[in-house]
Amino acid sequence: MESIAWMAWTLPTAIFFIALACTLAVMTWLAAVYPEAERVGVLRIPTTRGDRLFVSLIAAAVIHLLWIAFLGTDAIATLPIGEDGFEISSLWLASGISLVTAVLIFRTV
């Protein structure tokens, strides 16, 4: 574990990478079971599921970076778990916005 000790492995970070791995697995399964066809959306260029996933991931990165730059990562609530409680970061709101953005991208792009 020392080779990855440079990274801040927090619960949100772990959940993000697990979700990313699951997303890639589902996209691989979808490509095998339901072959994809390009479609033209609001960008007026043909895109595939993989293209829309890539745009969604880039948008999520930008949303999170802007969130951290302008709003920070302060706790918005503390759950009464354990002696000190469990703080919920405001980054969860950025994650929710990213998820809604991804849905919009998959539906319209």
N, C-alpha and C. Protein backbone atom coordinates (compact mmCIF):
# COMPACT_ATOMS: atom_id res chain seq x y z
N MET A 1 0.81 -1.19 0.00
CA MET A 1 0.00 0.00 0.00
C MET A 1 0.86 1.26 0.00
N GLU A 2 2.14 1.12 0.26
CA GLU A 2 3.01 2.28 0.29
C GLU A 2 3.19 2.91 -1.08
N SER A 3 3.03 2.13 -2.14
CA SER A 3 3.23 2.68 -3.48
C SER A 3 2.13 3.67 -3.87
N ILE A 4 0.98 3.60 -3.20
CA ILE A 4 -0.09 4.55 -3.49
C ILE A 4 -0.38 5.46 -2.29
N ALA A 5 0.56 5.55 -1.37
CA ALA A 5 0.36 6.35 -0.17
C ALA A 5 0.34 7.85 -0.47
N TRP A 6 0.82 8.26 -1.64
CA TRP A 6 0.83 9.68 -1.99
C TRP A 6 -0.56 10.23 -2.21
N MET A 7 -1.55 9.36 -2.48
CA MET A 7 -2.89 9.82 -2.77
C MET A 7 -3.74 9.87 -1.51
N ALA A 8 -4.60 10.84 -1.44
CA ALA A 8 -5.50 10.99 -0.29
C ALA A 8 -6.67 10.02 -0.46
N TRP A 9 -6.53 8.82 0.04
CA TRP A 9 -7.59 7.82 -0.10
C TRP A 9 -8.65 8.06 0.96
N THR A 10 -9.66 8.80 0.58
CA THR A 10 -10.79 9.06 1.46
C THR A 10 -11.98 8.26 0.95
N LEU A 11 -13.05 8.24 1.70
CA LEU A 11 -14.24 7.51 1.27
C LEU A 11 -14.77 8.03 -0.07
N PRO A 12 -14.89 9.35 -0.27
CA PRO A 12 -15.36 9.81 -1.58
C PRO A 12 -14.43 9.41 -2.73
N THR A 13 -13.12 9.41 -2.48
CA THR A 13 -12.17 9.01 -3.52
C THR A 13 -12.35 7.53 -3.86
N ALA A 14 -12.47 6.70 -2.84
CA ALA A 14 -12.66 5.27 -3.07
C ALA A 14 -13.97 5.00 -3.80
N ILE A 15 -15.04 5.68 -3.40
CA ILE A 15 -16.33 5.50 -4.05
C ILE A 15 -16.25 5.93 -5.51
N PHE A 16 -15.54 7.02 -5.78
CA PHE A 16 -15.41 7.49 -7.16
C PHE A 16 -14.72 6.43 -8.02
N PHE A 17 -13.61 5.88 -7.56
CA PHE A 17 -12.89 4.90 -8.37
C PHE A 17 -13.66 3.60 -8.51
N ILE A 18 -14.38 3.20 -7.49
CA ILE A 18 -15.23 2.01 -7.59
C ILE A 18 -16.35 2.25 -8.59
N ALA A 19 -16.97 3.42 -8.52
CA ALA A 19 -18.04 3.76 -9.47
C ALA A 19 -17.50 3.82 -10.90
N LEU A 20 -16.31 4.36 -11.07
CA LEU A 20 -15.70 4.43 -12.40
C LEU A 20 -15.44 3.02 -12.95
N ALA A 21 -14.92 2.13 -12.13
CA ALA A 21 -14.67 0.75 -12.56
C ALA A 21 -15.98 0.05 -12.92
N CYS A 22 -17.01 0.26 -12.10
CA CYS A 22 -18.32 -0.35 -12.39
C CYS A 22 -18.91 0.22 -13.68
N THR A 23 -18.74 1.52 -13.89
CA THR A 23 -19.24 2.15 -15.11
C THR A 23 -18.56 1.57 -16.34
N LEU A 24 -17.25 1.42 -16.28
CA LEU A 24 -16.53 0.84 -17.42
C LEU A 24 -16.95 -0.61 -17.66
N ALA A 25 -17.20 -1.36 -16.60
CA ALA A 25 -17.66 -2.74 -16.75
C ALA A 25 -19.05 -2.78 -17.40
N VAL A 26 -19.94 -1.90 -16.97
CA VAL A 26 -21.29 -1.85 -17.56
C VAL A 26 -21.21 -1.42 -19.02
N MET A 27 -20.36 -0.44 -19.33
CA MET A 27 -20.23 0.01 -20.71
C MET A 27 -19.68 -1.11 -21.60
N THR A 28 -18.76 -1.90 -21.08
CA THR A 28 -18.23 -3.03 -21.83
C THR A 28 -19.32 -4.07 -22.07
N TRP A 29 -20.09 -4.35 -21.04
CA TRP A 29 -21.20 -5.30 -21.16
C TRP A 29 -22.22 -4.80 -22.18
N LEU A 30 -22.59 -3.52 -22.09
CA LEU A 30 -23.56 -2.95 -23.04
C LEU A 30 -23.05 -3.03 -24.48
N ALA A 31 -21.77 -2.78 -24.68
CA ALA A 31 -21.20 -2.85 -26.03
C ALA A 31 -21.25 -4.27 -26.58
N ALA A 32 -21.08 -5.26 -25.70
CA ALA A 32 -21.12 -6.65 -26.14
C ALA A 32 -22.55 -7.13 -26.40
N VAL A 33 -23.47 -6.74 -25.54
CA VAL A 33 -24.85 -7.23 -25.66
C VAL A 33 -25.67 -6.40 -26.65
N TYR A 34 -25.54 -5.08 -26.57
CA TYR A 34 -26.28 -4.18 -27.45
C TYR A 34 -25.27 -3.34 -28.25
N PRO A 35 -24.90 -3.80 -29.43
CA PRO A 35 -23.92 -3.04 -30.22
C PRO A 35 -24.40 -1.60 -30.41
N GLU A 36 -23.46 -0.68 -30.23
CA GLU A 36 -23.84 0.73 -30.27
C GLU A 36 -23.85 1.28 -31.69
N ALA A 37 -24.73 2.24 -31.88
CA ALA A 37 -24.80 2.95 -33.15
C ALA A 37 -24.58 4.43 -32.85
N GLU A 38 -23.86 5.08 -33.74
CA GLU A 38 -23.63 6.50 -33.55
C GLU A 38 -24.95 7.25 -33.70
N ARG A 39 -25.08 8.33 -32.93
CA ARG A 39 -26.25 9.18 -33.09
C ARG A 39 -25.82 10.63 -33.02
N VAL A 40 -26.61 11.49 -33.62
CA VAL A 40 -26.31 12.91 -33.68
C VAL A 40 -27.22 13.62 -32.68
N GLY A 41 -26.59 14.37 -31.77
CA GLY A 41 -27.36 15.10 -30.76
C GLY A 41 -27.19 16.59 -30.94
N VAL A 42 -27.20 17.30 -29.81
CA VAL A 42 -27.13 18.77 -29.86
C VAL A 42 -25.78 19.28 -30.36
N LEU A 43 -24.75 18.48 -30.29
CA LEU A 43 -23.44 18.90 -30.80
C LEU A 43 -23.36 18.82 -32.31
N ARG A 44 -24.32 18.16 -32.94
CA ARG A 44 -24.37 17.98 -34.39
C ARG A 44 -23.20 17.18 -34.94
N ILE A 45 -22.63 16.31 -34.09
CA ILE A 45 -21.60 15.39 -34.56
C ILE A 45 -22.02 14.00 -34.09
N PRO A 46 -21.67 12.96 -34.84
CA PRO A 46 -22.03 11.61 -34.41
C PRO A 46 -21.22 11.21 -33.17
N THR A 47 -21.92 10.71 -32.15
CA THR A 47 -21.26 10.27 -30.92
C THR A 47 -21.74 8.87 -30.55
N THR A 48 -20.88 8.14 -29.87
CA THR A 48 -21.23 6.81 -29.37
C THR A 48 -21.37 6.90 -27.86
N ARG A 49 -21.76 5.79 -27.23
CA ARG A 49 -21.85 5.75 -25.77
C ARG A 49 -20.52 6.11 -25.13
N GLY A 50 -19.44 5.59 -25.69
CA GLY A 50 -18.12 5.86 -25.14
C GLY A 50 -17.76 7.34 -25.22
N ASP A 51 -18.13 7.98 -26.33
CA ASP A 51 -17.89 9.43 -26.46
C ASP A 51 -18.64 10.20 -25.39
N ARG A 52 -19.89 9.83 -25.20
CA ARG A 52 -20.72 10.53 -24.20
C ARG A 52 -20.21 10.26 -22.79
N LEU A 53 -19.70 9.06 -22.54
CA LEU A 53 -19.11 8.78 -21.22
C LEU A 53 -17.87 9.64 -21.01
N PHE A 54 -17.03 9.76 -22.03
CA PHE A 54 -15.82 10.56 -21.91
C PHE A 54 -16.17 12.02 -21.63
N VAL A 55 -17.13 12.57 -22.36
CA VAL A 55 -17.55 13.96 -22.12
C VAL A 55 -18.12 14.10 -20.71
N SER A 56 -18.86 13.12 -20.25
CA SER A 56 -19.43 13.15 -18.89
C SER A 56 -18.33 13.15 -17.83
N LEU A 57 -17.30 12.32 -18.03
CA LEU A 57 -16.20 12.26 -17.06
C LEU A 57 -15.40 13.56 -17.03
N ILE A 58 -15.17 14.15 -18.19
CA ILE A 58 -14.47 15.43 -18.25
C ILE A 58 -15.32 16.51 -17.56
N ALA A 59 -16.62 16.51 -17.82
CA ALA A 59 -17.51 17.49 -17.17
C ALA A 59 -17.50 17.31 -15.66
N ALA A 60 -17.50 16.06 -15.20
CA ALA A 60 -17.47 15.80 -13.75
C ALA A 60 -16.18 16.33 -13.14
N ALA A 61 -15.06 16.13 -13.82
CA ALA A 61 -13.78 16.63 -13.31
C ALA A 61 -13.81 18.16 -13.22
N VAL A 62 -14.32 18.81 -14.25
CA VAL A 62 -14.39 20.28 -14.26
C VAL A 62 -15.33 20.77 -13.15
N ILE A 63 -16.48 20.14 -13.00
CA ILE A 63 -17.42 20.54 -11.95
C ILE A 63 -16.78 20.41 -10.58
N HIS A 64 -16.09 19.32 -10.32
CA HIS A 64 -15.45 19.13 -9.01
C HIS A 64 -14.32 20.12 -8.78
N LEU A 65 -13.51 20.37 -9.80
CA LEU A 65 -12.42 21.34 -9.64
C LEU A 65 -12.96 22.75 -9.39
N LEU A 66 -14.00 23.14 -10.12
CA LEU A 66 -14.59 24.45 -9.89
C LEU A 66 -15.24 24.54 -8.51
N TRP A 67 -15.87 23.45 -8.09
CA TRP A 67 -16.49 23.40 -6.76
C TRP A 67 -15.44 23.62 -5.67
N ILE A 68 -14.33 22.90 -5.79
CA ILE A 68 -13.26 23.03 -4.80
C ILE A 68 -12.66 24.44 -4.84
N ALA A 69 -12.49 24.99 -6.04
CA ALA A 69 -11.89 26.32 -6.17
C ALA A 69 -12.76 27.41 -5.57
N PHE A 70 -14.06 27.33 -5.80
CA PHE A 70 -14.94 28.42 -5.38
C PHE A 70 -15.69 28.17 -4.08
N LEU A 71 -15.98 26.93 -3.74
CA LEU A 71 -16.78 26.64 -2.55
C LEU A 71 -16.03 25.85 -1.48
N GLY A 72 -14.95 25.20 -1.85
CA GLY A 72 -14.18 24.44 -0.87
C GLY A 72 -14.78 23.07 -0.60
N THR A 73 -14.25 22.44 0.43
CA THR A 73 -14.69 21.08 0.77
C THR A 73 -15.18 20.99 2.21
N ASP A 74 -15.71 22.07 2.72
CA ASP A 74 -16.18 22.08 4.10
C ASP A 74 -17.30 21.07 4.32
N ALA A 75 -17.41 20.62 5.55
CA ALA A 75 -18.47 19.68 5.91
C ALA A 75 -19.81 20.41 5.92
N ILE A 76 -20.83 19.75 5.39
CA ILE A 76 -22.17 20.34 5.41
C ILE A 76 -23.05 19.71 6.48
N ALA A 77 -22.63 18.57 6.98
CA ALA A 77 -23.39 17.89 8.04
C ALA A 77 -22.47 16.90 8.74
N THR A 78 -22.86 16.52 9.93
CA THR A 78 -22.12 15.50 10.68
C THR A 78 -23.11 14.45 11.14
N LEU A 79 -22.88 13.22 10.74
CA LEU A 79 -23.73 12.11 11.16
C LEU A 79 -23.26 11.61 12.52
N PRO A 80 -24.17 11.29 13.39
CA PRO A 80 -23.77 10.80 14.73
C PRO A 80 -23.32 9.34 14.70
N ILE A 81 -22.16 9.10 14.09
CA ILE A 81 -21.60 7.76 14.01
C ILE A 81 -20.26 7.79 14.71
N GLY A 82 -20.07 6.95 15.68
CA GLY A 82 -18.81 6.91 16.42
C GLY A 82 -18.73 8.03 17.44
N GLU A 83 -17.56 8.18 18.01
CA GLU A 83 -17.37 9.20 19.05
C GLU A 83 -17.37 10.62 18.49
N ASP A 84 -16.67 10.83 17.36
CA ASP A 84 -16.55 12.17 16.81
C ASP A 84 -17.59 12.47 15.74
N GLY A 85 -18.30 11.48 15.29
CA GLY A 85 -19.25 11.67 14.21
C GLY A 85 -18.60 11.50 12.85
N PHE A 86 -19.40 11.48 11.82
CA PHE A 86 -18.92 11.29 10.45
C PHE A 86 -19.33 12.51 9.65
N GLU A 87 -18.35 13.29 9.18
CA GLU A 87 -18.64 14.51 8.45
C GLU A 87 -18.94 14.21 6.98
N ILE A 88 -19.95 14.89 6.46
CA ILE A 88 -20.31 14.76 5.06
C ILE A 88 -19.80 16.00 4.33
N SER A 89 -18.92 15.79 3.37
CA SER A 89 -18.29 16.88 2.63
C SER A 89 -19.26 17.49 1.62
N SER A 90 -19.05 18.75 1.32
CA SER A 90 -19.87 19.42 0.31
C SER A 90 -19.58 18.87 -1.09
N LEU A 91 -18.51 18.11 -1.23
CA LEU A 91 -18.22 17.50 -2.54
C LEU A 91 -19.30 16.52 -2.97
N TRP A 92 -20.08 16.02 -2.01
CA TRP A 92 -21.19 15.14 -2.39
C TRP A 92 -22.21 15.91 -3.23
N LEU A 93 -22.38 17.19 -2.96
CA LEU A 93 -23.28 18.00 -3.78
C LEU A 93 -22.72 18.14 -5.20
N ALA A 94 -21.41 18.34 -5.30
CA ALA A 94 -20.78 18.41 -6.62
C ALA A 94 -20.94 17.08 -7.35
N SER A 95 -20.86 15.99 -6.62
CA SER A 95 -21.05 14.67 -7.24
C SER A 95 -22.48 14.51 -7.75
N GLY A 96 -23.44 15.00 -6.99
CA GLY A 96 -24.83 14.96 -7.44
C GLY A 96 -25.05 15.79 -8.70
N ILE A 97 -24.45 16.98 -8.73
CA ILE A 97 -24.55 17.83 -9.92
C ILE A 97 -23.88 17.14 -11.11
N SER A 98 -22.76 16.48 -10.88
CA SER A 98 -22.07 15.75 -11.95
C SER A 98 -22.92 14.61 -12.48
N LEU A 99 -23.61 13.92 -11.59
CA LEU A 99 -24.47 12.81 -12.02
C LEU A 99 -25.62 13.32 -12.88
N VAL A 100 -26.24 14.41 -12.47
CA VAL A 100 -27.33 15.00 -13.26
C VAL A 100 -26.79 15.46 -14.61
N THR A 101 -25.61 16.07 -14.63
CA THR A 101 -24.99 16.51 -15.87
C THR A 101 -24.71 15.32 -16.79
N ALA A 102 -24.24 14.22 -16.23
CA ALA A 102 -23.97 13.02 -17.03
C ALA A 102 -25.25 12.49 -17.67
N VAL A 103 -26.34 12.47 -16.91
CA VAL A 103 -27.62 12.02 -17.45
C VAL A 103 -28.04 12.91 -18.61
N LEU A 104 -27.90 14.23 -18.43
CA LEU A 104 -28.26 15.16 -19.50
C LEU A 104 -27.38 14.96 -20.73
N ILE A 105 -26.10 14.72 -20.52
CA ILE A 105 -25.19 14.49 -21.64
C ILE A 105 -25.57 13.23 -22.39
N PHE A 106 -25.88 12.16 -21.67
CA PHE A 106 -26.25 10.90 -22.34
C PHE A 106 -27.57 11.02 -23.07
N ARG A 107 -28.46 11.88 -22.60
CA ARG A 107 -29.76 12.03 -23.23
C ARG A 107 -29.73 12.97 -24.44
N THR A 108 -28.84 13.97 -24.42
CA THR A 108 -28.93 15.01 -25.44
C THR A 108 -27.74 15.10 -26.40
N VAL A 109 -26.57 14.63 -26.00
CA VAL A 109 -25.39 14.80 -26.86
C VAL A 109 -25.31 13.66 -27.85
